[in-house]
All heavy atoms as atom14 arrays in JSON, in Angstrom:
{
  "sequence": "VGLFPNFTKTLGITIFPKKVINFFKGLVVNT",
  "atom14_mask": [
    [1, 1, 1, 1, 1, 1, 1, 0, 0, 0, 0, 0, 0, 0],
    [1, 1, 1, 1, 0, 0, 0, 0, 0, 0, 0, 0, 0, 0],
    [1, 1, 1, 1, 1, 1, 1, 1, 0, 0, 0, 0, 0, 0],
    [1, 1, 1, 1, 1, 1, 1, 1, 1, 1, 1, 0, 0, 0],
    [1, 1, 1, 1, 1, 1, 1, 0, 0, 0, 0, 0, 0, 0],
    [1, 1, 1, 1, 1, 1, 1, 1, 0, 0, 0, 0, 0, 0],
    [1, 1, 1, 1, 1, 1, 1, 1, 1, 1, 1, 0, 0, 0],
    [1, 1, 1, 1, 1, 1, 1, 0, 0, 0, 0, 0, 0, 0],
    [1, 1, 1, 1, 1, 1, 1, 1, 1, 0, 0, 0, 0, 0],
    [1, 1, 1, 1, 1, 1, 1, 0, 0, 0, 0, 0, 0, 0],
    [1, 1, 1, 1, 1, 1, 1, 1, 0, 0, 0, 0, 0, 0],
    [1, 1, 1, 1, 0, 0, 0, 0, 0, 0, 0, 0, 0, 0],
    [1, 1, 1, 1, 1, 1, 1, 1, 0, 0, 0, 0, 0, 0],
    [1, 1, 1, 1, 1, 1, 1, 0, 0, 0, 0, 0, 0, 0],
    [1, 1, 1, 1, 1, 1, 1, 1, 0, 0, 0, 0, 0, 0],
    [1, 1, 1, 1, 1, 1, 1, 1, 1, 1, 1, 0, 0, 0],
    [1, 1, 1, 1, 1, 1, 1, 0, 0, 0, 0, 0, 0, 0],
    [1, 1, 1, 1, 1, 1, 1, 1, 1, 0, 0, 0, 0, 0],
    [1, 1, 1, 1, 1, 1, 1, 1, 1, 0, 0, 0, 0, 0],
    [1, 1, 1, 1, 1, 1, 1, 0, 0, 0, 0, 0, 0, 0],
    [1, 1, 1, 1, 1, 1, 1, 1, 0, 0, 0, 0, 0, 0],
    [1, 1, 1, 1, 1, 1, 1, 1, 0, 0, 0, 0, 0, 0],
    [1, 1, 1, 1, 1, 1, 1, 1, 1, 1, 1, 0, 0, 0],
    [1, 1, 1, 1, 1, 1, 1, 1, 1, 1, 1, 0, 0, 0],
    [1, 1, 1, 1, 1, 1, 1, 1, 1, 0, 0, 0, 0, 0],
    [1, 1, 1, 1, 0, 0, 0, 0, 0, 0, 0, 0, 0, 0],
    [1, 1, 1, 1, 1, 1, 1, 1, 0, 0, 0, 0, 0, 0],
    [1, 1, 1, 1, 1, 1, 1, 0, 0, 0, 0, 0, 0, 0],
    [1, 1, 1, 1, 1, 1, 1, 0, 0, 0, 0, 0, 0, 0],
    [1, 1, 1, 1, 1, 1, 1, 1, 0, 0, 0, 0, 0, 0],
    [1, 1, 1, 1, 1, 1, 1, 0, 0, 0, 0, 0, 0, 0]
  ],
  "atom14_positions": [
    [[155.0, 236.57, -33.85], [155.4, 235.17, -33.67], [154.44, 234.27, -34.38], [154.84, 233.32, -35.05], [155.41, 234.85, -32.19], [155.57, 233.34, -31.99], [156.56, 235.51, -31.43], [0.0, 0.0, 0.0], [0.0, 0.0, 0.0], [0.0, 0.0, 0.0], [0.0, 0.0, 0.0], [0.0, 0.0, 0.0], [0.0, 0.0, 0.0], [0.0, 0.0, 0.0]],
    [[153.12, 234.61, -34.35], [152.15, 233.77, -35.07], [152.24, 233.89, -36.52], [152.07, 232.93, -37.26], [0.0, 0.0, 0.0], [0.0, 0.0, 0.0], [0.0, 0.0, 0.0], [0.0, 0.0, 0.0], [0.0, 0.0, 0.0], [0.0, 0.0, 0.0], [0.0, 0.0, 0.0], [0.0, 0.0, 0.0], [0.0, 0.0, 0.0], [0.0, 0.0, 0.0]],
    [[152.58, 235.05, -37.01], [152.68, 235.29, -38.5], [154.0, 234.82, -39.05], [154.08, 234.28, -40.16], [152.42, 236.79, -38.78], [151.09, 237.35, -38.41], [151.09, 238.85, -38.69], [149.96, 236.67, -39.11], [0.0, 0.0, 0.0], [0.0, 0.0, 0.0], [0.0, 0.0, 0.0], [0.0, 0.0, 0.0], [0.0, 0.0, 0.0], [0.0, 0.0, 0.0]],
    [[155.1, 235.16, -38.33], [156.49, 234.89, -38.87], [157.32, 234.22, -37.83], [158.27, 234.8, -37.27], [157.14, 236.22, -39.28], [156.35, 237.15, -40.17], [155.79, 238.29, -39.68], [156.09, 236.79, -41.5], [155.05, 239.12, -40.42], [155.31, 237.59, -42.29], [154.82, 238.78, -41.78], [0.0, 0.0, 0.0], [0.0, 0.0, 0.0], [0.0, 0.0, 0.0]],
    [[157.01, 232.98, -37.47], [157.75, 232.31, -36.4], [159.25, 232.22, -36.69], [160.07, 232.43, -35.75], [157.1, 230.97, -36.36], [156.39, 230.77, -37.66], [155.94, 232.1, -38.04], [0.0, 0.0, 0.0], [0.0, 0.0, 0.0], [0.0, 0.0, 0.0], [0.0, 0.0, 0.0], [0.0, 0.0, 0.0], [0.0, 0.0, 0.0], [0.0, 0.0, 0.0]],
    [[159.63, 231.88, -37.89], [161.03, 231.72, -38.2], [161.79, 233.03, -38.2], [162.96, 233.16, -37.77], [161.23, 231.03, -39.62], [160.75, 229.65, -39.53], [160.85, 228.93, -38.56], [160.22, 229.16, -40.67], [0.0, 0.0, 0.0], [0.0, 0.0, 0.0], [0.0, 0.0, 0.0], [0.0, 0.0, 0.0], [0.0, 0.0, 0.0], [0.0, 0.0, 0.0]],
    [[161.12, 234.1, -38.71], [161.73, 235.41, -38.77], [161.96, 235.98, -37.36], [163.0, 236.51, -37.06], [160.79, 236.35, -39.56], [161.34, 237.79, -39.63], [162.49, 238.11, -40.28], [160.61, 238.83, -39.01], [162.94, 239.43, -40.37], [161.04, 240.13, -39.05], [162.21, 240.44, -39.73], [0.0, 0.0, 0.0], [0.0, 0.0, 0.0], [0.0, 0.0, 0.0]],
    [[160.93, 235.81, -36.48], [161.1, 236.35, -35.15], [162.13, 235.61, -34.34], [162.84, 236.11, -33.49], [159.74, 236.34, -34.4], [159.15, 235.0, -34.51], [158.79, 237.37, -34.96], [0.0, 0.0, 0.0], [0.0, 0.0, 0.0], [0.0, 0.0, 0.0], [0.0, 0.0, 0.0], [0.0, 0.0, 0.0], [0.0, 0.0, 0.0], [0.0, 0.0, 0.0]],
    [[162.25, 234.28, -34.69], [163.26, 233.45, -34.03], [164.65, 233.93, -34.38], [165.56, 234.01, -33.6], [163.09, 231.99, -34.41], [164.13, 231.0, -33.85], [163.84, 229.65, -34.3], [164.95, 228.7, -33.8], [164.7, 227.24, -34.31], [0.0, 0.0, 0.0], [0.0, 0.0, 0.0], [0.0, 0.0, 0.0], [0.0, 0.0, 0.0], [0.0, 0.0, 0.0]],
    [[164.8, 234.3, -35.69], [166.11, 234.82, -36.2], [166.46, 236.13, -35.55], [167.63, 236.36, -35.14], [166.01, 234.99, -37.72], [165.7, 233.76, -38.34], [167.36, 235.49, -38.25], [0.0, 0.0, 0.0], [0.0, 0.0, 0.0], [0.0, 0.0, 0.0], [0.0, 0.0, 0.0], [0.0, 0.0, 0.0], [0.0, 0.0, 0.0], [0.0, 0.0, 0.0]],
    [[165.44, 237.0, -35.29], [165.72, 238.27, -34.65], [166.11, 238.12, -33.21], [166.81, 238.94, -32.63], [164.46, 239.16, -34.77], [164.09, 239.66, -36.15], [162.83, 240.55, -36.06], [165.28, 240.5, -36.75], [0.0, 0.0, 0.0], [0.0, 0.0, 0.0], [0.0, 0.0, 0.0], [0.0, 0.0, 0.0], [0.0, 0.0, 0.0], [0.0, 0.0, 0.0]],
    [[165.67, 237.03, -32.59], [165.97, 236.75, -31.19], [165.29, 237.62, -30.19], [165.71, 237.8, -29.06], [0.0, 0.0, 0.0], [0.0, 0.0, 0.0], [0.0, 0.0, 0.0], [0.0, 0.0, 0.0], [0.0, 0.0, 0.0], [0.0, 0.0, 0.0], [0.0, 0.0, 0.0], [0.0, 0.0, 0.0], [0.0, 0.0, 0.0], [0.0, 0.0, 0.0]],
    [[164.17, 238.21, -30.63], [163.38, 239.07, -29.75], [162.61, 238.19, -28.77], [162.1, 237.12, -29.14], [162.36, 239.92, -30.55], [163.14, 240.78, -31.58], [161.53, 240.81, -29.65], [162.17, 241.5, -32.53], [0.0, 0.0, 0.0], [0.0, 0.0, 0.0], [0.0, 0.0, 0.0], [0.0, 0.0, 0.0], [0.0, 0.0, 0.0], [0.0, 0.0, 0.0]],
    [[162.49, 238.58, -27.5], [161.82, 237.78, -26.51], [160.52, 238.54, -26.08], [160.45, 239.74, -26.14], [162.72, 237.57, -25.27], [163.07, 238.8, -24.7], [163.96, 236.78, -25.67], [0.0, 0.0, 0.0], [0.0, 0.0, 0.0], [0.0, 0.0, 0.0], [0.0, 0.0, 0.0], [0.0, 0.0, 0.0], [0.0, 0.0, 0.0], [0.0, 0.0, 0.0]],
    [[159.58, 237.72, -25.66], [158.3, 238.25, -25.15], [158.42, 238.66, -23.7], [158.01, 239.7, -23.26], [157.11, 237.29, -25.41], [156.82, 237.16, -26.91], [155.89, 237.72, -24.66], [155.74, 236.24, -27.25], [0.0, 0.0, 0.0], [0.0, 0.0, 0.0], [0.0, 0.0, 0.0], [0.0, 0.0, 0.0], [0.0, 0.0, 0.0], [0.0, 0.0, 0.0]],
    [[158.92, 237.7, -22.9], [159.03, 237.95, -21.47], [160.26, 238.81, -21.16], [161.35, 238.54, -21.65], [159.13, 236.6, -20.74], [157.96, 235.68, -20.97], [158.17, 234.47, -21.6], [156.65, 236.09, -20.6], [157.07, 233.62, -21.81], [155.58, 235.29, -20.87], [155.75, 234.03, -21.48], [0.0, 0.0, 0.0], [0.0, 0.0, 0.0], [0.0, 0.0, 0.0]],
    [[160.1, 239.82, -20.34], [161.2, 240.72, -20.02], [162.4, 239.95, -19.42], [162.25, 238.97, -18.64], [160.64, 241.62, -18.95], [159.16, 241.62, -19.16], [158.86, 240.17, -19.67], [0.0, 0.0, 0.0], [0.0, 0.0, 0.0], [0.0, 0.0, 0.0], [0.0, 0.0, 0.0], [0.0, 0.0, 0.0], [0.0, 0.0, 0.0], [0.0, 0.0, 0.0]],
    [[163.61, 240.35, -19.8], [164.85, 239.68, -19.36], [164.96, 239.68, -17.85], [165.4, 238.71, -17.24], [166.07, 240.37, -19.98], [166.27, 240.11, -21.44], [166.76, 238.65, -21.66], [167.09, 238.42, -23.15], [167.45, 236.99, -23.38], [0.0, 0.0, 0.0], [0.0, 0.0, 0.0], [0.0, 0.0, 0.0], [0.0, 0.0, 0.0], [0.0, 0.0, 0.0]],
    [[164.54, 240.81, -17.22], [164.63, 240.86, -15.78], [163.76, 239.8, -15.08], [164.11, 239.25, -14.0], [164.28, 242.27, -15.27], [162.8, 242.62, -15.38], [162.53, 243.92, -14.61], [161.02, 244.24, -14.62], [160.71, 245.44, -13.88], [0.0, 0.0, 0.0], [0.0, 0.0, 0.0], [0.0, 0.0, 0.0], [0.0, 0.0, 0.0], [0.0, 0.0, 0.0]],
    [[162.67, 239.5, -15.66], [161.74, 238.45, -15.14], [162.42, 237.08, -15.3], [162.43, 236.31, -14.27], [160.39, 238.44, -15.87], [159.54, 237.28, -15.41], [159.67, 239.78, -15.64], [0.0, 0.0, 0.0], [0.0, 0.0, 0.0], [0.0, 0.0, 0.0], [0.0, 0.0, 0.0], [0.0, 0.0, 0.0], [0.0, 0.0, 0.0], [0.0, 0.0, 0.0]],
    [[162.98, 236.83, -16.45], [163.58, 235.49, -16.66], [164.79, 235.35, -15.78], [165.01, 234.31, -15.13], [164.01, 235.36, -18.17], [162.75, 235.49, -19.09], [164.75, 234.08, -18.41], [161.7, 234.48, -18.86], [0.0, 0.0, 0.0], [0.0, 0.0, 0.0], [0.0, 0.0, 0.0], [0.0, 0.0, 0.0], [0.0, 0.0, 0.0], [0.0, 0.0, 0.0]],
    [[165.58, 236.41, -15.67], [166.8, 236.33, -14.87], [166.48, 236.21, -13.39], [167.2, 235.5, -12.63], [167.71, 237.57, -15.07], [168.28, 237.59, -16.43], [168.45, 236.63, -17.09], [168.64, 238.83, -16.94], [0.0, 0.0, 0.0], [0.0, 0.0, 0.0], [0.0, 0.0, 0.0], [0.0, 0.0, 0.0], [0.0, 0.0, 0.0], [0.0, 0.0, 0.0]],
    [[165.38, 236.82, -12.93], [164.93, 236.69, -11.55], [164.61, 235.26, -11.19], [165.13, 234.75, -10.19], [163.75, 237.61, -11.31], [163.14, 237.44, -9.95], [163.69, 238.05, -8.83], [162.02, 236.64, -9.78], [163.16, 237.85, -7.57], [161.43, 236.44, -8.53], [161.99, 237.08, -7.41], [0.0, 0.0, 0.0], [0.0, 0.0, 0.0], [0.0, 0.0, 0.0]],
    [[163.8, 234.61, -12.01], [163.4, 233.27, -11.76], [164.58, 232.31, -11.81], [164.74, 231.4, -10.99], [162.3, 232.82, -12.67], [160.92, 233.34, -12.25], [160.27, 234.3, -12.99], [160.3, 232.89, -11.09], [159.07, 234.76, -12.63], [159.05, 233.35, -10.73], [158.44, 234.32, -11.46], [0.0, 0.0, 0.0], [0.0, 0.0, 0.0], [0.0, 0.0, 0.0]],
    [[165.41, 232.46, -12.85], [166.52, 231.62, -13.03], [167.47, 231.74, -11.84], [167.93, 230.78, -11.27], [167.21, 231.84, -14.32], [168.42, 230.88, -14.61], [169.02, 231.18, -16.03], [170.23, 230.31, -16.23], [170.83, 230.48, -17.55], [0.0, 0.0, 0.0], [0.0, 0.0, 0.0], [0.0, 0.0, 0.0], [0.0, 0.0, 0.0], [0.0, 0.0, 0.0]],
    [[167.81, 233.01, -11.52], [168.75, 233.25, -10.43], [168.18, 232.73, -9.07], [168.96, 232.19, -8.3], [0.0, 0.0, 0.0], [0.0, 0.0, 0.0], [0.0, 0.0, 0.0], [0.0, 0.0, 0.0], [0.0, 0.0, 0.0], [0.0, 0.0, 0.0], [0.0, 0.0, 0.0], [0.0, 0.0, 0.0], [0.0, 0.0, 0.0], [0.0, 0.0, 0.0]],
    [[166.89, 232.82, -8.89], [166.31, 232.4, -7.64], [166.46, 230.88, -7.51], [166.82, 230.37, -6.44], [164.8, 232.75, -7.62], [164.01, 232.51, -6.32], [164.69, 233.3, -5.19], [162.62, 232.96, -6.52], [0.0, 0.0, 0.0], [0.0, 0.0, 0.0], [0.0, 0.0, 0.0], [0.0, 0.0, 0.0], [0.0, 0.0, 0.0], [0.0, 0.0, 0.0]],
    [[166.15, 230.17, -8.61], [166.28, 228.68, -8.57], [167.76, 228.26, -8.34], [168.05, 227.38, -7.48], [165.69, 228.06, -9.85], [166.02, 226.55, -9.87], [164.21, 228.31, -9.92], [0.0, 0.0, 0.0], [0.0, 0.0, 0.0], [0.0, 0.0, 0.0], [0.0, 0.0, 0.0], [0.0, 0.0, 0.0], [0.0, 0.0, 0.0], [0.0, 0.0, 0.0]],
    [[168.62, 228.82, -9.16], [170.02, 228.47, -9.05], [170.62, 228.75, -7.72], [171.27, 227.87, -7.09], [170.87, 229.25, -10.18], [172.34, 229.04, -9.97], [170.46, 228.76, -11.53], [0.0, 0.0, 0.0], [0.0, 0.0, 0.0], [0.0, 0.0, 0.0], [0.0, 0.0, 0.0], [0.0, 0.0, 0.0], [0.0, 0.0, 0.0], [0.0, 0.0, 0.0]],
    [[170.31, 229.9, -7.15], [170.87, 230.28, -5.87], [170.33, 229.44, -4.74], [171.02, 229.03, -3.81], [170.58, 231.78, -5.57], [171.33, 232.69, -6.47], [172.37, 232.35, -7.03], [170.83, 233.94, -6.62], [0.0, 0.0, 0.0], [0.0, 0.0, 0.0], [0.0, 0.0, 0.0], [0.0, 0.0, 0.0], [0.0, 0.0, 0.0], [0.0, 0.0, 0.0]],
    [[168.98, 229.12, -4.84], [168.39, 228.27, -3.8], [169.0, 226.91, -3.8], [169.29, 226.29, -2.75], [166.85, 228.15, -4.04], [166.29, 229.5, -3.96], [166.2, 227.35, -2.97], [0.0, 0.0, 0.0], [0.0, 0.0, 0.0], [0.0, 0.0, 0.0], [0.0, 0.0, 0.0], [0.0, 0.0, 0.0], [0.0, 0.0, 0.0], [0.0, 0.0, 0.0]]
  ]
}
């Protein structure tokens, strides 16, 4: 990300695991 910000953005790779993101988002939405 630090070396190739545009390239990594194009690839759509994420740093934080999807299950972590989905957990927090789902928790907020459901609450």
